[in-house]
């Protein structure tokens, strides 16, 4: 976050402001070091519990390079493919025209990051504005209940990843967009309403559609979207979200409010997705770039049955 001078008429007020800011920056640093998951915010795994800013960490993946280079789509054979005949166009025409790429996007720490409003230092939003980071406050329904059994209303502050709206606009020109979050619908639905005013997402999928596996909970099984995954890509800051289809996943750098100059959406992810949109099968390219099956094996998750 760009440093900003904060003036106060009394030394006590200045001291309190400095301490609040340092406390928040320590929280941000912990998030970056531990590379928290895509549902790492307060409300994603256990609702909106006060002060619970981090969920169980997953091993960090190597960040995507800023400069993308051309890929060779013939670099690796994907199990389940039968050569050129099996690479027929997604629309079945076989005449060289490819149907739109399907891009599945995670929400928290991929497109936005969010915090309980009551937990933020009072100067944070002002400093975010000065740094050019867009943010808004949101009223949403918590997974917790009031003592009378009524739904609990929570207030969160949401920070948009730089370039978010332009990224969605350009991506929608060559891909069908699907929002898939492990967040609860009471939180995620009003948030997505705010960032997707043009209804660019053709589907919105929430926590009930994630599944539990032997290795992780809240896994996003892409087979609920399509049985043909040749032209389906998922972008998620938590690689374990796509452990069932590792050849379709793009692990992205987690986003937090302490990164106002983040460039992942427009300068890294968009060029890669545009390149993938011209491929009959995205999986050989993504395998060559990330080698996700080997990454999962290193973290104790075997490979049998992954190829789709």
C-alpha atoms as a PDB file:
ATOM      1  CA  UNK A   1       0.000   0.000   0.000  1.00  0.00           C
ATOM      2  CA  UNK A   2       1.338   3.430  -0.894  1.00  0.00           C
ATOM      3  CA  UNK A   3       2.439   5.173   2.268  1.00  0.00           C
ATOM      4  CA  UNK A   4       0.427   8.250   3.139  1.00  0.00           C
ATOM      5  CA  UNK A   5       1.067  10.768   5.850  1.00  0.00           C
ATOM      6  CA  UNK A   6      -1.651  10.914   8.444  1.00  0.00           C
ATOM      7  CA  UNK A   7      -1.922  14.125  10.442  1.00  0.00           C
ATOM      8  CA  UNK A   8      -3.564  14.275  13.859  1.00  0.00           C
ATOM      9  CA  UNK A   9      -3.868  17.220  16.235  1.00  0.00           C
ATOM     10  CA  UNK A  10      -2.589  15.231  19.204  1.00  0.00           C
ATOM     11  CA  UNK A  11       0.313  12.845  19.605  1.00  0.00           C
ATOM     12  CA  UNK A  12      -1.971  10.211  21.158  1.00  0.00           C
ATOM     13  CA  UNK A  13      -4.184  10.185  18.073  1.00  0.00           C
ATOM     14  CA  UNK A  14      -1.130   9.911  15.842  1.00  0.00           C
ATOM     15  CA  UNK A  15       0.202   7.005  17.892  1.00  0.00           C
ATOM     16  CA  UNK A  16      -3.120   5.155  17.714  1.00  0.00           C
ATOM     17  CA  UNK A  17      -3.325   5.652  13.958  1.00  0.00           C
ATOM     18  CA  UNK A  18       0.218   4.366  13.416  1.00  0.00           C
ATOM     19  CA  UNK A  19      -0.415   1.311  15.569  1.00  0.00           C
ATOM     20  CA  UNK A  20      -3.672   0.512  13.725  1.00  0.00           C
ATOM     21  CA  UNK A  21      -1.892   0.737  10.388  1.00  0.00           C
ATOM     22  CA  UNK A  22       1.035  -1.429  11.516  1.00  0.00           C
ATOM     23  CA  UNK A  23      -1.388  -4.021  12.846  1.00  0.00           C
ATOM     24  CA  UNK A  24      -3.170  -4.212   9.513  1.00  0.00           C
ATOM     25  CA  UNK A  25       0.081  -4.481   7.534  1.00  0.00           C
ATOM     26  CA  UNK A  26       1.166  -7.392   9.742  1.00  0.00           C
ATOM     27  CA  UNK A  27      -2.109  -9.154   8.884  1.00  0.00           C
ATOM     28  CA  UNK A  28      -1.508  -8.572   5.181  1.00  0.00           C
ATOM     29  CA  UNK A  29       2.071  -9.861   5.473  1.00  0.00           C
ATOM     30  CA  UNK A  30       0.868 -13.040   7.158  1.00  0.00           C
ATOM     31  CA  UNK A  31      -1.617 -13.594   4.324  1.00  0.00           C
ATOM     32  CA  UNK A  32       1.036 -13.218   1.651  1.00  0.00           C
ATOM     33  CA  UNK A  33       3.584 -15.422   3.446  1.00  0.00           C
ATOM     34  CA  UNK A  34       1.098 -18.190   4.119  1.00  0.00           C
ATOM     35  CA  UNK A  35      -0.601 -17.854   0.707  1.00  0.00           C
ATOM     36  CA  UNK A  36      -4.048 -18.344   2.085  1.00  0.00           C
ATOM     37  CA  UNK A  37      -6.680 -20.124   0.021  1.00  0.00           C
ATOM     38  CA  UNK A  38      -9.295 -18.616  -2.234  1.00  0.00           C
ATOM     39  CA  UNK A  39     -11.808 -18.718   0.573  1.00  0.00           C
ATOM     40  CA  UNK A  40      -9.391 -17.456   3.131  1.00  0.00           C
ATOM     41  CA  UNK A  41     -11.421 -14.501   4.143  1.00  0.00           C
ATOM     42  CA  UNK A  42     -13.388 -14.450   7.365  1.00  0.00           C
ATOM     43  CA  UNK A  43     -16.684 -15.489   5.899  1.00  0.00           C
ATOM     44  CA  UNK A  44     -15.624 -18.246   3.511  1.00  0.00           C
ATOM     45  CA  UNK A  45     -14.975 -21.292   5.649  1.00  0.00           C
ATOM     46  CA  UNK A  46     -16.654 -20.516   8.963  1.00  0.00           C
ATOM     47  CA  UNK A  47     -18.882 -17.567   8.231  1.00  0.00           C
ATOM     48  CA  UNK A  48     -18.076 -14.091   9.511  1.00  0.00           C
ATOM     49  CA  UNK A  49     -16.334 -14.787  12.809  1.00  0.00           C
ATOM     50  CA  UNK A  50     -14.726 -11.692  14.279  1.00  0.00           C
ATOM     51  CA  UNK A  51     -10.944 -11.601  13.999  1.00  0.00           C
ATOM     52  CA  UNK A  52     -10.500 -14.863  12.051  1.00  0.00           C
ATOM     53  CA  UNK A  53      -8.578 -13.548   9.051  1.00  0.00           C
ATOM     54  CA  UNK A  54      -6.720 -16.648   7.894  1.00  0.00           C
ATOM     55  CA  UNK A  55      -7.915 -20.109   6.938  1.00  0.00           C
ATOM     56  CA  UNK A  56      -5.632 -23.169   6.721  1.00  0.00           C
ATOM     57  CA  UNK A  57      -2.778 -22.316   4.309  1.00  0.00           C
ATOM     58  CA  UNK A  58      -1.841 -24.298   1.231  1.00  0.00           C
ATOM     59  CA  UNK A  59       1.681 -24.509  -0.206  1.00  0.00           C
ATOM     60  CA  UNK A  60       2.370 -21.495  -2.407  1.00  0.00           C
ATOM     61  CA  UNK A  61       2.622 -22.021  -6.151  1.00  0.00           C
ATOM     62  CA  UNK A  62       5.280 -20.292  -8.229  1.00  0.00           C
ATOM     63  CA  UNK A  63       3.832 -16.984  -9.499  1.00  0.00           C
ATOM     64  CA  UNK A  64       3.017 -16.631 -13.168  1.00  0.00           C
ATOM     65  CA  UNK A  65       5.662 -14.750 -15.166  1.00  0.00           C
ATOM     66  CA  UNK A  66       4.701 -11.323 -16.467  1.00  0.00           C
ATOM     67  CA  UNK A  67       5.977 -12.027 -19.979  1.00  0.00           C
ATOM     68  CA  UNK A  68       4.158 -14.836 -21.726  1.00  0.00           C
ATOM     69  CA  UNK A  69       5.896 -16.821 -24.483  1.00  0.00           C
ATOM     70  CA  UNK A  70       4.330 -18.895 -27.285  1.00  0.00           C
ATOM     71  CA  UNK A  71       3.494 -22.490 -26.449  1.00  0.00           C
ATOM     72  CA  UNK A  72       3.625 -25.657 -28.526  1.00  0.00           C
ATOM     73  CA  UNK A  73       0.337 -27.507 -28.175  1.00  0.00           C
ATOM     74  CA  UNK A  74       1.908 -30.833 -29.178  1.00  0.00           C
ATOM     75  CA  UNK A  75       4.265 -30.976 -26.192  1.00  0.00           C
ATOM     76  CA  UNK A  76       2.420 -33.672 -24.252  1.00  0.00           C
ATOM     77  CA  UNK A  77      -0.277 -36.262 -24.795  1.00  0.00           C
ATOM     78  CA  UNK A  78      -3.292 -35.934 -22.521  1.00  0.00           C
ATOM     79  CA  UNK A  79      -4.792 -39.195 -21.334  1.00  0.00           C
ATOM     80  CA  UNK A  80      -8.200 -39.678 -22.829  1.00  0.00           C
ATOM     81  CA  UNK A  81      -7.363 -37.999 -26.183  1.00  0.00           C
ATOM     82  CA  UNK A  82      -7.335 -40.044 -29.372  1.00  0.00           C
ATOM     83  CA  UNK A  83      -5.154 -37.888 -31.568  1.00  0.00           C
ATOM     84  CA  UNK A  84      -6.368 -35.336 -34.049  1.00  0.00           C
ATOM     85  CA  UNK A  85      -9.777 -36.968 -34.422  1.00  0.00           C
ATOM     86  CA  UNK A  86     -10.408 -36.634 -30.712  1.00  0.00           C
ATOM     87  CA  UNK A  87      -9.524 -32.949 -30.952  1.00  0.00           C
ATOM     88  CA  UNK A  88     -12.612 -32.198 -33.025  1.00  0.00           C
ATOM     89  CA  UNK A  89     -14.072 -28.774 -32.511  1.00  0.00           C
ATOM     90  CA  UNK A  90     -16.096 -28.295 -29.351  1.00  0.00           C
ATOM     91  CA  UNK A  91     -19.144 -27.434 -31.403  1.00  0.00           C
ATOM     92  CA  UNK A  92     -18.834 -30.618 -33.446  1.00  0.00           C
ATOM     93  CA  UNK A  93     -18.400 -28.872 -36.769  1.00  0.00           C
ATOM     94  CA  UNK A  94     -14.853 -30.074 -37.400  1.00  0.00           C
ATOM     95  CA  UNK A  95     -14.493 -27.245 -39.879  1.00  0.00           C
ATOM     96  CA  UNK A  96     -11.867 -25.210 -38.056  1.00  0.00           C
ATOM     97  CA  UNK A  97     -14.256 -23.048 -36.032  1.00  0.00           C
ATOM     98  CA  UNK A  98     -13.824 -23.341 -32.276  1.00  0.00           C
ATOM     99  CA  UNK A  99     -16.592 -22.752 -29.796  1.00  0.00           C
ATOM    100  CA  UNK A 100     -15.921 -20.186 -27.105  1.00  0.00           C
ATOM    101  CA  UNK A 101     -13.466 -21.085 -24.397  1.00  0.00           C
ATOM    102  CA  UNK A 102     -15.075 -21.674 -20.985  1.00  0.00           C
ATOM    103  CA  UNK A 103     -13.243 -19.831 -18.204  1.00  0.00           C
ATOM    104  CA  UNK A 104     -14.150 -20.633 -14.599  1.00  0.00           C
ATOM    105  CA  UNK A 105     -13.115 -17.850 -12.221  1.00  0.00           C
ATOM    106  CA  UNK A 106     -12.661 -18.008  -8.477  1.00  0.00           C
ATOM    107  CA  UNK A 107     -13.779 -14.977  -6.432  1.00  0.00           C
ATOM    108  CA  UNK A 108     -11.899 -14.328  -3.165  1.00  0.00           C
ATOM    109  CA  UNK A 109      -8.204 -13.470  -3.584  1.00  0.00           C
ATOM    110  CA  UNK A 110      -8.524 -14.042  -7.338  1.00  0.00           C
ATOM    111  CA  UNK A 111     -10.853 -11.217  -8.418  1.00  0.00           C
ATOM    112  CA  UNK A 112     -11.309  -9.395  -5.094  1.00  0.00           C
ATOM    113  CA  UNK A 113     -10.330  -9.548  -1.448  1.00  0.00           C
ATOM    114  CA  UNK A 114     -12.676  -8.720   1.419  1.00  0.00           C
ATOM    115  CA  UNK A 115     -12.473  -8.068   5.151  1.00  0.00           C
ATOM    116  CA  UNK A 116     -14.914  -7.455   7.968  1.00  0.00           C
ATOM    117  CA  UNK A 117     -15.370  -3.692   8.007  1.00  0.00           C
ATOM    118  CA  UNK A 118     -15.098  -3.540  11.789  1.00  0.00           C
ATOM    119  CA  UNK A 119     -11.633  -5.135  11.668  1.00  0.00           C
ATOM    120  CA  UNK A 120     -10.042  -2.562   9.341  1.00  0.00           C
ATOM    121  CA  UNK A 121      -7.896   0.384  10.500  1.00  0.00           C
ATOM    122  CA  UNK A 122      -9.837   3.633   9.988  1.00  0.00           C
ATOM    123  CA  UNK A 123      -7.288   5.039   7.529  1.00  0.00           C
ATOM    124  CA  UNK A 124      -7.034   2.003   5.259  1.00  0.00           C
ATOM    125  CA  UNK A 125      -9.743   2.913   2.758  1.00  0.00           C
ATOM    126  CA  UNK A 126      -8.399   6.460   2.460  1.00  0.00           C
ATOM    127  CA  UNK A 127      -4.935   5.107   1.724  1.00  0.00           C
ATOM    128  CA  UNK A 128      -6.359   2.566  -0.732  1.00  0.00           C
ATOM    129  CA  UNK A 129      -8.089   5.381  -2.606  1.00  0.00           C
ATOM    130  CA  UNK A 130      -4.862   7.397  -2.726  1.00  0.00           C
ATOM    131  CA  UNK A 131      -3.076   4.346  -4.130  1.00  0.00           C
ATOM    132  CA  UNK A 132      -5.718   3.954  -6.855  1.00  0.00           C
ATOM    133  CA  UNK A 133      -7.306   0.792  -5.441  1.00  0.00           C
ATOM    134  CA  UNK A 134     -11.080   0.574  -5.881  1.00  0.00           C
ATOM    135  CA  UNK A 135     -13.162  -0.586  -2.927  1.00  0.00           C
ATOM    136  CA  UNK A 136     -16.724  -0.626  -1.671  1.00  0.00           C
ATOM    137  CA  UNK A 137     -18.659  -1.596   1.433  1.00  0.00           C
ATOM    138  CA  UNK A 138     -21.159  -4.440   1.305  1.00  0.00           C
ATOM    139  CA  UNK A 139     -24.030  -5.626   3.449  1.00  0.00           C
ATOM    140  CA  UNK A 140     -24.479  -9.370   3.239  1.00  0.00           C
ATOM    141  CA  UNK A 141     -25.988 -12.360   5.009  1.00  0.00           C
ATOM    142  CA  UNK A 142     -23.638 -14.302   7.252  1.00  0.00           C
ATOM    143  CA  UNK A 143     -23.669 -18.076   7.621  1.00  0.00           C
ATOM    144  CA  UNK A 144     -24.079 -17.441  11.356  1.00  0.00           C
ATOM    145  CA  UNK A 145     -27.499 -16.924  12.946  1.00  0.00           C
ATOM    146  CA  UNK A 146     -28.751 -14.424  15.460  1.00  0.00           C
ATOM    147  CA  UNK A 147     -29.857 -15.796  18.831  1.00  0.00           C
ATOM    148  CA  UNK A 148     -33.511 -15.617  17.697  1.00  0.00           C
ATOM    149  CA  UNK A 149     -32.709 -17.751  14.665  1.00  0.00           C
ATOM    150  CA  UNK A 150     -32.804 -14.838  12.244  1.00  0.00           C
ATOM    151  CA  UNK A 151     -30.159 -14.395   9.572  1.00  0.00           C
ATOM    152  CA  UNK A 152     -27.204 -12.346  10.759  1.00  0.00           C
ATOM    153  CA  UNK A 153     -26.296  -9.309   8.670  1.00  0.00           C
ATOM    154  CA  UNK A 154     -22.575  -8.634   8.276  1.00  0.00           C
ATOM    155  CA  UNK A 155     -20.694  -5.696   6.823  1.00  0.00           C
ATOM    156  CA  UNK A 156     -17.581  -6.227   4.753  1.00  0.00           C
ATOM    157  CA  UNK A 157     -15.215  -4.007   2.793  1.00  0.00           C
ATOM    158  CA  UNK A 158     -14.308  -5.346  -0.640  1.00  0.00           C
ATOM    159  CA  UNK A 159     -11.179  -4.367  -2.588  1.00  0.00           C
ATOM    160  CA  UNK A 160     -11.214  -4.974  -6.352  1.00  0.00           C
ATOM    161  CA  UNK A 161      -8.145  -6.430  -8.007  1.00  0.00           C
ATOM    162  CA  UNK A 162      -6.633  -3.807 -10.338  1.00  0.00           C
ATOM    163  CA  UNK A 163      -8.017  -4.083 -13.870  1.00  0.00           C
ATOM    164  CA  UNK A 164     -10.960  -6.253 -12.796  1.00  0.00           C
ATOM    165  CA  UNK A 165     -13.688  -4.707 -14.955  1.00  0.00           C
ATOM    166  CA  UNK A 166     -11.552  -4.398 -18.082  1.00  0.00           C
ATOM    167  CA  UNK A 167     -10.379  -7.980 -17.580  1.00  0.00           C
ATOM    168  CA  UNK A 168     -13.940  -9.320 -17.421  1.00  0.00           C
ATOM    169  CA  UNK A 169     -15.010  -7.209 -20.399  1.00  0.00           C
ATOM    170  CA  UNK A 170     -12.164  -8.316 -22.672  1.00  0.00           C
ATOM    171  CA  UNK A 171     -12.330 -11.925 -21.512  1.00  0.00           C
ATOM    172  CA  UNK A 172     -16.050 -12.148 -22.241  1.00  0.00           C
ATOM    173  CA  UNK A 173     -15.371 -11.317 -25.897  1.00  0.00           C
ATOM    174  CA  UNK A 174     -13.755 -14.701 -26.510  1.00  0.00           C
ATOM    175  CA  UNK A 175     -14.842 -16.835 -23.541  1.00  0.00           C
ATOM    176  CA  UNK A 176     -17.920 -17.879 -21.601  1.00  0.00           C
ATOM    177  CA  UNK A 177     -17.404 -16.801 -17.990  1.00  0.00           C
ATOM    178  CA  UNK A 178     -18.479 -18.871 -14.995  1.00  0.00           C
ATOM    179  CA  UNK A 179     -18.082 -17.700 -11.395  1.00  0.00           C
ATOM    180  CA  UNK A 180     -17.292 -20.626  -9.077  1.00  0.00           C
ATOM    181  CA  UNK A 181     -16.675 -19.761  -5.433  1.00  0.00           C
ATOM    182  CA  UNK A 182     -16.501 -21.744  -2.214  1.00  0.00           C
ATOM    183  CA  UNK A 183     -17.993 -18.717  -0.472  1.00  0.00           C
ATOM    184  CA  UNK A 184     -21.519 -18.814   0.893  1.00  0.00           C
ATOM    185  CA  UNK A 185     -24.191 -17.444  -1.422  1.00  0.00           C
ATOM    186  CA  UNK A 186     -25.432 -14.866   1.088  1.00  0.00           C
ATOM    187  CA  UNK A 187     -22.032 -13.191   0.839  1.00  0.00           C
ATOM    188  CA  UNK A 188     -20.996 -13.964  -2.741  1.00  0.00           C
ATOM    189  CA  UNK A 189     -24.231 -13.131  -4.585  1.00  0.00           C
ATOM    190  CA  UNK A 190     -24.464  -9.421  -3.583  1.00  0.00           C
ATOM    191  CA  UNK A 191     -20.719  -9.055  -4.126  1.00  0.00           C
ATOM    192  CA  UNK A 192     -20.858 -10.431  -7.668  1.00  0.00           C
ATOM    193  CA  UNK A 193     -23.899  -8.231  -8.349  1.00  0.00           C
ATOM    194  CA  UNK A 194     -21.637  -5.251  -7.631  1.00  0.00           C
ATOM    195  CA  UNK A 195     -18.683  -6.304  -9.797  1.00  0.00           C
ATOM    196  CA  UNK A 196     -20.715  -7.794 -12.676  1.00  0.00           C
ATOM    197  CA  UNK A 197     -23.227  -5.083 -13.484  1.00  0.00           C
ATOM    198  CA  UNK A 198     -23.207  -6.123 -17.156  1.00  0.00           C
ATOM    199  CA  UNK A 199     -24.049  -9.762 -16.342  1.00  0.00           C
ATOM    200  CA  UNK A 200     -20.943 -11.125 -18.027  1.00  0.00           C
ATOM    201  CA  UNK A 201     -21.036 -14.330 -15.981  1.00  0.00           C
ATOM    202  CA  UNK A 202     -23.307 -16.872 -17.640  1.00  0.00           C
ATOM    203  CA  UNK A 203     -23.344 -18.996 -14.469  1.00  0.00           C
ATOM    204  CA  UNK A 204     -22.673 -18.429 -10.764  1.00  0.00           C
ATOM    205  CA  UNK A 205     -21.786 -21.449  -8.682  1.00  0.00           C
ATOM    206  CA  UNK A 206     -21.506 -21.311  -4.881  1.00  0.00           C
ATOM    207  CA  UNK A 207     -20.262 -23.478  -1.996  1.00  0.00           C
ATOM    208  CA  UNK A 208     -23.014 -26.151  -2.190  1.00  0.00           C
ATOM    209  CA  UNK A 209     -21.672 -27.217  -5.596  1.00  0.00           C
ATOM    210  CA  UNK A 210     -18.166 -27.854  -4.246  1.00  0.00           C
ATOM    211  CA  UNK A 211     -17.364 -31.347  -3.028  1.00  0.00           C
ATOM    212  CA  UNK A 212     -15.306 -32.983  -0.295  1.00  0.00           C
ATOM    213  CA  UNK A 213     -12.523 -35.400  -1.208  1.00  0.00           C
ATOM    214  CA  UNK A 214     -10.130 -37.575   0.727  1.00  0.00           C
ATOM    215  CA  UNK A 215      -7.543 -34.822   0.490  1.00  0.00           C
ATOM    216  CA  UNK A 216      -9.390 -31.480   0.624  1.00  0.00           C
ATOM    217  CA  UNK A 217     -12.836 -29.993   1.157  1.00  0.00           C
ATOM    218  CA  UNK A 218     -14.534 -27.395  -1.081  1.00  0.00           C
ATOM    219  CA  UNK A 219     -13.065 -28.859  -4.273  1.00  0.00           C
ATOM    220  CA  UNK A 220     -14.486 -27.548  -7.543  1.00  0.00           C
ATOM    221  CA  UNK A 221     -15.323 -30.470  -9.806  1.00  0.00           C
ATOM    222  CA  UNK A 222     -15.413 -29.141 -13.359  1.00  0.00           C
ATOM    223  CA  UNK A 223     -17.461 -32.109 -14.554  1.00  0.00           C
ATOM    224  CA  UNK A 224     -20.538 -30.325 -13.153  1.00  0.00           C
ATOM    225  CA  UNK A 225     -19.958 -27.713 -15.862  1.00  0.00           C
ATOM    226  CA  UNK A 226     -19.060 -29.910 -18.828  1.00  0.00           C
ATOM    227  CA  UNK A 227     -18.128 -33.517 -19.558  1.00  0.00           C
ATOM    228  CA  UNK A 228     -15.813 -32.317 -22.335  1.00  0.00           C
ATOM    229  CA  UNK A 229     -12.979 -30.413 -20.675  1.00  0.00           C
ATOM    230  CA  UNK A 230     -10.846 -29.810 -23.762  1.00  0.00           C
ATOM    231  CA  UNK A 231     -11.733 -26.104 -23.708  1.00  0.00           C
ATOM    232  CA  UNK A 232     -12.448 -25.496 -20.026  1.00  0.00           C
ATOM    233  CA  UNK A 233     -10.024 -23.525 -17.838  1.00  0.00           C
ATOM    234  CA  UNK A 234     -10.257 -22.697 -14.136  1.00  0.00           C
ATOM    235  CA  UNK A 235      -8.346 -19.760 -12.613  1.00  0.00           C
ATOM    236  CA  UNK A 236      -7.950 -20.020  -8.841  1.00  0.00           C
ATOM    237  CA  UNK A 237      -5.422 -18.834  -6.278  1.00  0.00           C
ATOM    238  CA  UNK A 238      -5.924 -22.144  -4.438  1.00  0.00           C
ATOM    239  CA  UNK A 239      -4.595 -25.031  -6.594  1.00  0.00           C
ATOM    240  CA  UNK A 240      -6.328 -27.601  -4.389  1.00  0.00           C
ATOM    241  CA  UNK A 241      -9.638 -26.255  -5.691  1.00  0.00           C
ATOM    242  CA  UNK A 242      -8.995 -27.994  -9.012  1.00  0.00           C
ATOM    243  CA  UNK A 243      -7.211 -31.125  -7.782  1.00  0.00           C
ATOM    244  CA  UNK A 244      -9.723 -33.326  -9.630  1.00  0.00           C
ATOM    245  CA  UNK A 245      -8.785 -31.758 -12.979  1.00  0.00           C
ATOM    246  CA  UNK A 246      -5.228 -30.439 -12.557  1.00  0.00           C
ATOM    247  CA  UNK A 247      -4.630 -30.246 -16.300  1.00  0.00           C
ATOM    248  CA  UNK A 248      -7.323 -27.570 -16.601  1.00  0.00           C
ATOM    249  CA  UNK A 249      -6.094 -25.271 -13.841  1.00  0.00           C
ATOM    250  CA  UNK A 250      -4.221 -21.980 -13.782  1.00  0.00           C
ATOM    251  CA  UNK A 251      -2.898 -21.170 -10.283  1.00  0.00           C
ATOM    252  CA  UNK A 252      -2.788 -17.404  -9.837  1.00  0.00           C
ATOM    253  CA  UNK A 253      -1.063 -15.179  -7.306  1.00  0.00           C
ATOM    254  CA  UNK A 254      -3.339 -14.392  -4.315  1.00  0.00           C
ATOM    255  CA  UNK A 255      -4.528 -10.781  -4.127  1.00  0.00           C
ATOM    256  CA  UNK A 256      -4.743  -8.688  -0.953  1.00  0.00           C
ATOM    257  CA  UNK A 257      -5.408  -5.038  -0.107  1.00  0.00           C
ATOM    258  CA  UNK A 258      -1.668  -4.509   0.276  1.00  0.00           C
ATOM    259  CA  UNK A 259      -1.113  -4.938  -3.479  1.00  0.00           C
ATOM    260  CA  UNK A 260      -2.522  -1.809  -5.181  1.00  0.00           C
ATOM    261  CA  UNK A 261      -0.183  -2.213  -8.164  1.00  0.00           C
ATOM    262  CA  UNK A 262      -0.939  -5.875  -8.868  1.00  0.00           C
ATOM    263  CA  UNK A 263      -0.952  -6.561 -12.641  1.00  0.00           C
ATOM    264  CA  UNK A 264      -1.968 -10.215 -12.845  1.00  0.00           C
ATOM    265  CA  UNK A 265      -5.374  -9.841 -14.504  1.00  0.00           C
ATOM    266  CA  UNK A 266      -4.512  -7.720 -17.541  1.00  0.00           C
ATOM    267  CA  UNK A 267      -0.815  -8.382 -18.059  1.00  0.00           C
ATOM    268  CA  UNK A 268      -0.497 -12.049 -17.125  1.00  0.00           C
ATOM    269  CA  UNK A 269      -3.793 -13.938 -17.109  1.00  0.00           C
ATOM    270  CA  UNK A 270      -5.557 -12.234 -20.014  1.00  0.00           C
ATOM    271  CA  UNK A 271      -2.761 -12.918 -22.579  1.00  0.00           C
ATOM    272  CA  UNK A 272      -2.528 -16.547 -21.459  1.00  0.00           C
ATOM    273  CA  UNK A 273      -6.294 -17.065 -21.680  1.00  0.00           C
ATOM    274  CA  UNK A 274      -6.416 -15.415 -25.093  1.00  0.00           C
ATOM    275  CA  UNK A 275      -3.743 -17.811 -26.304  1.00  0.00           C
ATOM    276  CA  UNK A 276      -5.648 -20.779 -24.883  1.00  0.00           C
ATOM    277  CA  UNK A 277      -8.818 -19.657 -26.660  1.00  0.00           C
ATOM    278  CA  UNK A 278      -7.175 -20.528 -29.994  1.00  0.00           C
ATOM    279  CA  UNK A 279      -6.363 -24.115 -28.939  1.00  0.00           C
ATOM    280  CA  UNK A 280      -8.512 -27.173 -29.558  1.00  0.00           C
ATOM    281  CA  UNK A 281      -7.341 -28.622 -26.242  1.00  0.00           C
ATOM    282  CA  UNK A 282      -5.981 -26.392 -23.475  1.00  0.00           C
ATOM    283  CA  UNK A 283      -4.617 -29.234 -21.354  1.00  0.00           C
ATOM    284  CA  UNK A 284      -1.313 -29.963 -23.152  1.00  0.00           C
ATOM    285  CA  UNK A 285      -0.339 -26.301 -22.904  1.00  0.00           C
ATOM    286  CA  UNK A 286      -1.319 -25.989 -19.269  1.00  0.00           C
ATOM    287  CA  UNK A 287       0.528 -29.197 -18.444  1.00  0.00           C
ATOM    288  CA  UNK A 288       3.688 -27.949 -20.133  1.00  0.00           C
ATOM    289  CA  UNK A 289       3.478 -24.632 -18.322  1.00  0.00           C
ATOM    290  CA  UNK A 290       2.565 -25.710 -14.775  1.00  0.00           C
ATOM    291  CA  UNK A 291       3.081 -29.502 -14.457  1.00  0.00           C
ATOM    292  CA  UNK A 292       0.278 -29.580 -11.927  1.00  0.00           C
ATOM    293  CA  UNK A 293       0.032 -33.421 -11.629  1.00  0.00           C
ATOM    294  CA  UNK A 294       3.630 -33.517 -10.414  1.00  0.00           C
ATOM    295  CA  UNK A 295       2.950 -30.591  -8.072  1.00  0.00           C
ATOM    296  CA  UNK A 296       0.034 -32.448  -6.494  1.00  0.00           C
ATOM    297  CA  UNK A 297       2.106 -35.613  -6.148  1.00  0.00           C
ATOM    298  CA  UNK A 298       4.728 -33.638  -4.218  1.00  0.00           C
ATOM    299  CA  UNK A 299       1.958 -32.644  -1.798  1.00  0.00           C
ATOM    300  CA  UNK A 300       0.761 -36.190  -1.207  1.00  0.00           C
ATOM    301  CA  UNK A 301      -2.078 -36.381  -3.736  1.00  0.00           C
ATOM    302  CA  UNK A 302      -1.712 -39.276  -6.233  1.00  0.00           C
ATOM    303  CA  UNK A 303      -2.385 -38.948  -9.921  1.00  0.00           C
ATOM    304  CA  UNK A 304      -4.590 -41.916 -10.994  1.00  0.00           C
ATOM    305  CA  UNK A 305      -7.932 -40.897 -12.466  1.00  0.00           C
ATOM    306  CA  UNK A 306      -7.020 -37.231 -13.061  1.00  0.00           C
ATOM    307  CA  UNK A 307      -7.115 -37.125 -16.827  1.00  0.00           C
ATOM    308  CA  UNK A 308     -10.539 -36.325 -18.225  1.00  0.00           C
END
